[in-house]
Amino acid sequence: MNHVFSSRKLVAVLLAMLLIFASSVSFAQEDIFNLLMLGIDTKNPESPGRSDTMILAQITPSTGEVRMVSFLRDLYVPIEDVGKTRLNAAYYFGGAELVQKTLEKNFGVQIDSTISVNFSLLEDLIDQIGGVDVDVAPYELAQLNTTIRGFNKSYGFSVDDDVLGSAGLHHLNGKQALSYSRIRKIDNDFKRTSRQHMVLKGIMSELTKLDFLSLSKLIATNMNRVENDISLSDINRLLPMVLNIKNIEMTTAHVPFEGTYSDQTIDDMMVLVPDLATNQKMIQEFLAGETQE
């Protein structure tokens, strides 16, 4: 799929994407730079949480092309010193380093750097940019409102605060957009990924309207909530160059690819058991531009 922007809840991805572009410019002497973005789902500061969003972004600074591969959290793979389990458990047991090692070993990818962000950042950032446009399908409406009501209950808000009265195009606030990106019960993780793509496409649409000063303030406000190795001074130095990149083309895929896995229940877990060799081959073909998702 080709979008002005695409990929999962991630989260974080909205700030992460700004950092991606900044880091891509800083590595402009390289032909390709591979960045792993992790969206961490935890409400408990004492718990490391799990990486429910895992996106590998291959960036070609000279052309502005970004190819993004989303790895679904329910992939059943071997994790070093843990054994076979869901992919999203790697972060819980060993942080970003173990996630990177697990992806590289199982899927044959190369990762140059990582960015990790808690999902709560997505909600706050969407509010900071004034909301995002999302087209809510009729079959999604009831589950979206159920999810919003769940958030309201946990936040102590009125139960019907921010629920939607109809399907169609809406300008969603952070709570609504995060709720939309979490919908799963009505279909599956693949569809949820598509919804997250839609939210993030809306985020990038809003971000493109911001000027240098506004983007700098947005990054400065939120940078301490992102685990990365890019300094604020580097961001401010590189951002003008980032804003000059024209016609950024983003292409997305998800792993496992269609027809390369089986749905199984193992140890009371519903998991996706991938054909690793086939997925490795298809990932390389996608990143090389030989195939489109």
Protein backbone atom coordinates (compact mmCIF):
# COMPACT_ATOMS: atom_id res chain seq x y z
CA MET A 1 0.00 0.00 0.00
CA ASN A 2 1.31 3.48 -0.84
CA HIS A 3 0.34 6.35 1.45
CA VAL A 4 1.55 9.83 2.28
CA PHE A 5 2.14 8.05 5.57
CA SER A 6 1.31 4.66 7.01
CA SER A 7 1.75 2.23 9.93
CA ARG A 8 0.46 1.05 13.42
CA LYS A 9 -0.93 2.53 16.65
CA LEU A 10 2.14 3.30 17.03
CA VAL A 11 2.19 5.00 18.34
CA ALA A 12 4.60 6.91 18.97
CA VAL A 13 4.98 6.88 15.53
CA LEU A 14 3.82 10.34 15.19
CA LEU A 15 6.70 11.72 17.19
CA ALA A 16 8.79 8.78 16.12
CA MET A 17 8.23 9.69 12.49
CA LEU A 18 9.61 13.17 13.11
CA LEU A 19 12.64 11.58 14.70
CA ILE A 20 12.88 9.13 11.84
CA PHE A 21 13.14 11.89 9.30
CA ALA A 22 15.66 13.72 11.44
CA SER A 23 17.76 10.61 11.90
CA SER A 24 17.49 9.80 8.21
CA VAL A 25 19.04 13.12 7.33
CA SER A 26 21.81 12.61 9.86
CA PHE A 27 22.64 9.38 8.08
CA ALA A 28 22.42 11.02 4.66
CA GLN A 29 25.84 9.70 3.78
CA GLU A 30 24.40 6.20 3.94
CA ASP A 31 22.39 4.70 1.10
CA ILE A 32 19.85 3.14 3.48
CA PHE A 33 19.10 3.44 7.20
CA ASN A 34 16.93 0.91 9.08
CA LEU A 35 15.09 2.17 12.17
CA LEU A 36 13.01 -0.02 14.50
CA MET A 37 10.05 1.73 16.16
CA LEU A 38 8.50 0.12 19.23
CA GLY A 39 5.15 1.07 20.76
CA ILE A 40 5.05 -0.08 24.38
CA ASP A 41 1.74 -0.93 26.04
CA THR A 42 1.92 -0.50 29.81
CA LYS A 43 0.06 1.58 32.38
CA ASN A 44 2.28 0.39 35.24
CA PRO A 45 5.58 2.31 35.56
CA GLU A 46 7.01 -0.65 37.48
CA SER A 47 6.44 -3.00 34.53
CA PRO A 48 8.47 -2.93 31.30
CA GLY A 49 5.34 -3.74 29.30
CA ARG A 50 5.22 -5.43 25.91
CA SER A 51 6.00 -4.12 22.45
CA ASP A 52 2.57 -4.31 20.86
CA THR A 53 3.77 -2.21 17.92
CA MET A 54 6.92 -3.18 16.06
CA ILE A 55 7.69 -1.34 12.83
CA LEU A 56 10.89 -1.53 10.83
CA ALA A 57 11.33 1.61 8.73
CA GLN A 58 13.83 1.43 5.89
CA ILE A 59 14.74 5.00 4.97
CA THR A 60 16.50 6.13 1.80
CA PRO A 61 17.46 9.75 2.55
CA SER A 62 18.51 10.61 -1.00
CA THR A 63 15.06 9.84 -2.41
CA GLY A 64 12.74 10.38 0.57
CA GLU A 65 11.44 6.81 0.25
CA VAL A 66 10.35 5.02 3.43
CA ARG A 67 9.42 1.33 3.40
CA MET A 68 7.77 0.17 6.60
CA VAL A 69 7.27 -3.41 7.78
CA SER A 70 4.89 -4.02 10.71
CA PHE A 71 5.53 -7.22 12.69
CA LEU A 72 2.31 -8.46 14.32
CA ARG A 73 2.49 -8.98 18.06
CA ASP A 74 1.01 -12.51 18.03
CA LEU A 75 3.79 -13.99 15.87
CA TYR A 76 4.97 -17.21 17.54
CA VAL A 77 8.76 -17.23 17.37
CA PRO A 78 11.78 -18.40 19.39
CA ILE A 79 13.17 -15.73 21.75
CA GLU A 80 16.68 -16.15 23.12
CA ASP A 81 16.75 -17.47 26.72
CA VAL A 82 12.93 -17.45 26.78
CA GLY A 83 11.78 -20.07 24.29
CA LYS A 84 8.96 -19.94 21.77
CA THR A 85 6.23 -17.45 22.60
CA ARG A 86 4.53 -14.33 21.23
CA LEU A 87 6.87 -11.80 19.67
CA ASN A 88 5.62 -8.95 21.85
CA ALA A 89 6.97 -10.72 24.95
CA ALA A 90 10.56 -10.03 23.86
CA TYR A 91 10.41 -6.47 25.17
CA TYR A 92 9.13 -7.64 28.55
CA PHE A 93 12.04 -10.04 28.98
CA GLY A 94 14.86 -8.03 27.46
CA GLY A 95 13.79 -4.59 26.31
CA ALA A 96 14.46 -3.10 22.90
CA GLU A 97 17.74 -4.98 22.59
CA LEU A 98 16.03 -8.37 22.77
CA VAL A 99 13.29 -7.29 20.36
CA GLN A 100 15.95 -6.23 17.87
CA LYS A 101 17.89 -9.46 18.30
CA THR A 102 14.71 -11.54 17.92
CA LEU A 103 13.66 -9.81 14.71
CA GLU A 104 17.13 -9.99 13.21
CA LYS A 105 17.52 -13.68 14.03
CA ASN A 106 14.07 -14.84 12.94
CA PHE A 107 13.43 -12.59 9.96
CA GLY A 108 16.90 -11.80 8.65
CA VAL A 109 16.54 -8.02 8.90
CA GLN A 110 19.26 -5.49 9.74
CA ILE A 111 18.43 -2.80 12.33
CA ASP A 112 20.63 0.27 12.79
CA SER A 113 18.78 2.03 15.64
CA THR A 114 15.60 1.89 17.73
CA ILE A 115 12.96 4.27 19.10
CA SER A 116 10.63 3.19 21.94
CA VAL A 117 7.50 5.08 23.01
CA ASN A 118 4.61 4.36 25.37
CA PHE A 119 1.18 4.31 23.72
CA SER A 120 -0.03 7.12 25.98
CA LEU A 121 2.11 9.50 23.94
CA LEU A 122 -0.09 8.94 20.90
CA GLU A 123 -3.16 10.29 22.69
CA ASP A 124 -1.35 13.37 23.98
CA LEU A 125 0.32 14.18 20.66
CA ILE A 126 -2.94 13.97 18.74
CA ASP A 127 -4.47 16.46 21.17
CA GLN A 128 -1.43 18.71 20.79
CA ILE A 129 -1.81 18.86 17.00
CA GLY A 130 -5.56 19.46 17.26
CA GLY A 131 -6.92 16.03 16.34
CA VAL A 132 -6.96 13.86 13.21
CA ASP A 133 -9.46 13.01 10.48
CA VAL A 134 -10.60 9.37 10.42
CA ASP A 135 -13.35 7.75 8.35
CA VAL A 136 -15.20 5.42 10.75
CA ALA A 137 -16.97 2.53 9.02
CA PRO A 138 -20.53 1.65 10.14
CA TYR A 139 -19.47 -1.78 11.44
CA GLU A 140 -16.73 -0.16 13.56
CA LEU A 141 -18.94 2.40 15.32
CA ALA A 142 -20.37 0.29 18.16
CA GLN A 143 -17.01 -1.22 19.12
CA LEU A 144 -15.33 2.19 18.92
CA ASN A 145 -17.86 3.66 21.34
CA THR A 146 -17.47 0.65 23.64
CA THR A 147 -13.72 1.25 23.70
CA ILE A 148 -14.19 4.99 24.35
CA ARG A 149 -16.53 4.20 27.25
CA GLY A 150 -13.88 1.86 28.65
CA PHE A 151 -11.35 4.69 28.57
CA ASN A 152 -13.87 7.03 30.20
CA LYS A 153 -14.41 4.58 33.03
CA SER A 154 -10.68 4.21 33.66
CA TYR A 155 -10.16 8.00 33.50
CA GLY A 156 -13.15 8.78 35.73
CA PHE A 157 -14.98 10.69 32.99
CA SER A 158 -18.69 10.66 32.17
CA VAL A 159 -19.44 7.31 30.54
CA ASP A 160 -20.63 8.81 27.24
CA ASP A 161 -17.98 11.52 27.00
CA ASP A 162 -16.66 11.76 23.39
CA VAL A 163 -18.71 8.84 21.99
CA LEU A 164 -19.67 9.21 18.33
CA GLY A 165 -23.26 9.47 17.16
CA SER A 166 -22.68 8.19 13.63
CA ALA A 167 -20.21 6.55 11.29
CA GLY A 168 -18.41 8.54 8.61
CA LEU A 169 -15.61 11.10 8.54
CA HIS A 170 -14.83 12.55 11.98
CA HIS A 171 -12.12 14.79 13.41
CA LEU A 172 -11.06 12.66 16.39
CA ASN A 173 -9.32 13.82 19.54
CA GLY A 174 -6.54 11.81 21.16
CA LYS A 175 -8.78 9.57 23.25
CA GLN A 176 -11.06 8.81 20.31
CA ALA A 177 -8.20 8.12 17.92
CA LEU A 178 -6.39 5.86 20.39
CA SER A 179 -9.66 4.00 20.98
CA TYR A 180 -10.10 3.58 17.23
CA SER A 181 -6.60 2.19 16.87
CA ARG A 182 -7.27 -0.36 19.62
CA ILE A 183 -10.39 -1.90 18.05
CA ARG A 184 -9.86 -5.62 17.52
CA LYS A 185 -12.81 -7.73 18.65
CA ILE A 186 -14.87 -7.14 15.50
CA ASP A 187 -12.19 -8.62 13.22
CA ASN A 188 -8.47 -9.32 13.76
CA ASP A 189 -4.98 -7.92 14.26
CA PHE A 190 -4.52 -7.38 10.52
CA LYS A 191 -7.56 -5.09 10.39
CA ARG A 192 -6.43 -3.32 13.54
CA THR A 193 -3.13 -2.60 11.83
CA SER A 194 -5.04 -1.04 8.93
CA ARG A 195 -6.94 1.19 11.36
CA GLN A 196 -3.70 2.28 12.92
CA HIS A 197 -2.40 3.08 9.44
CA MET A 198 -5.41 5.35 8.96
CA VAL A 199 -4.83 7.17 12.26
CA LEU A 200 -1.15 7.68 11.51
CA LYS A 201 -1.91 8.87 8.00
CA GLY A 202 -4.17 11.48 9.60
CA ILE A 203 -1.42 12.44 12.04
CA MET A 204 1.10 12.97 9.28
CA SER A 205 -1.44 15.02 7.35
CA GLU A 206 -1.70 17.38 10.34
CA LEU A 207 2.05 17.44 10.92
CA THR A 208 2.71 18.56 7.36
CA LYS A 209 0.73 21.73 8.14
CA LEU A 210 3.11 22.76 10.93
CA ASP A 211 6.00 25.17 10.45
CA PHE A 212 9.53 24.80 11.78
CA LEU A 213 8.84 26.55 15.10
CA SER A 214 5.71 24.50 15.80
CA LEU A 215 7.47 21.23 15.01
CA SER A 216 10.42 22.20 17.20
CA LYS A 217 8.09 22.95 20.13
CA LEU A 218 6.23 19.67 19.60
CA ILE A 219 9.44 17.68 19.70
CA ALA A 220 10.85 19.60 22.69
CA THR A 221 7.63 18.99 24.64
CA ASN A 222 7.63 15.24 24.09
CA MET A 223 11.18 14.15 23.46
CA ASN A 224 11.82 13.00 27.04
CA ARG A 225 9.03 10.44 26.57
CA VAL A 226 10.86 8.73 23.71
CA GLU A 227 13.82 6.39 24.21
CA ASN A 228 16.29 7.23 21.43
CA ASP A 229 19.85 8.38 20.85
CA ILE A 230 19.04 11.62 19.01
CA SER A 231 19.67 14.88 20.91
CA LEU A 232 17.34 17.88 20.84
CA SER A 233 20.14 20.02 19.38
CA ASP A 234 20.52 17.49 16.57
CA ILE A 235 16.78 17.64 15.94
CA ASN A 236 16.78 21.44 15.73
CA ARG A 237 19.81 21.35 13.43
CA LEU A 238 18.32 18.74 11.13
CA LEU A 239 14.66 19.77 11.10
CA PRO A 240 15.07 22.48 8.42
CA MET A 241 16.58 19.86 6.11
CA VAL A 242 13.75 17.48 6.98
CA LEU A 243 11.16 20.09 6.03
CA ASN A 244 12.85 20.50 2.66
CA ILE A 245 12.40 16.83 1.76
CA LYS A 246 9.69 16.73 -0.88
CA ASN A 247 7.39 13.96 -2.06
CA ILE A 248 8.10 11.48 0.73
CA GLU A 249 6.77 8.14 -0.47
CA MET A 250 5.79 5.61 2.17
CA THR A 251 5.02 1.98 1.44
CA THR A 252 3.89 -0.49 4.08
CA ALA A 253 3.70 -4.24 4.57
CA HIS A 254 2.92 -6.53 7.48
CA VAL A 255 4.50 -9.75 8.70
CA PRO A 256 3.34 -12.45 8.44
CA PHE A 257 2.50 -11.97 4.78
CA GLU A 258 -0.75 -13.40 3.47
CA GLY A 259 -0.59 -17.17 3.05
CA THR A 260 2.66 -17.55 5.03
CA TYR A 261 1.34 -18.52 8.46
CA SER A 262 -1.18 -20.65 10.32
CA ASP A 263 -3.52 -19.70 13.18
CA GLN A 264 -2.89 -21.99 16.14
CA THR A 265 -3.59 -22.21 19.87
CA ILE A 266 -0.44 -23.09 21.80
CA ASP A 267 -0.23 -23.10 25.61
CA ASP A 268 -3.69 -21.47 25.69
CA MET A 269 -2.43 -18.63 23.47
CA MET A 270 -3.91 -17.78 20.08
CA VAL A 271 -0.84 -17.22 17.93
CA LEU A 272 0.32 -16.81 14.34
CA VAL A 273 2.88 -19.47 13.42
CA PRO A 274 4.89 -18.10 10.49
CA ASP A 275 6.84 -19.84 7.76
CA LEU A 276 10.06 -18.04 8.67
CA ALA A 277 11.96 -18.82 5.48
CA THR A 278 9.15 -17.57 3.24
CA ASN A 279 8.62 -14.43 5.31
CA GLN A 280 12.35 -13.69 5.29
CA LYS A 281 12.36 -13.91 1.50
CA MET A 282 9.26 -11.73 1.12
CA ILE A 283 10.60 -9.10 3.54
CA GLN A 284 13.81 -8.81 1.53
CA GLU A 285 11.85 -8.55 -1.72
CA PHE A 286 9.60 -5.86 -0.26
CA LEU A 287 12.48 -3.80 1.15
CA ALA A 288 14.29 -4.08 -2.17
CA GLY A 289 11.24 -2.67 -3.94
CA GLU A 290 10.59 -5.88 -5.85
CA THR A 291 7.07 -6.32 -4.44
CA GLN A 292 4.25 -4.16 -3.05
CA GLU A 293 2.11 -5.26 -0.06
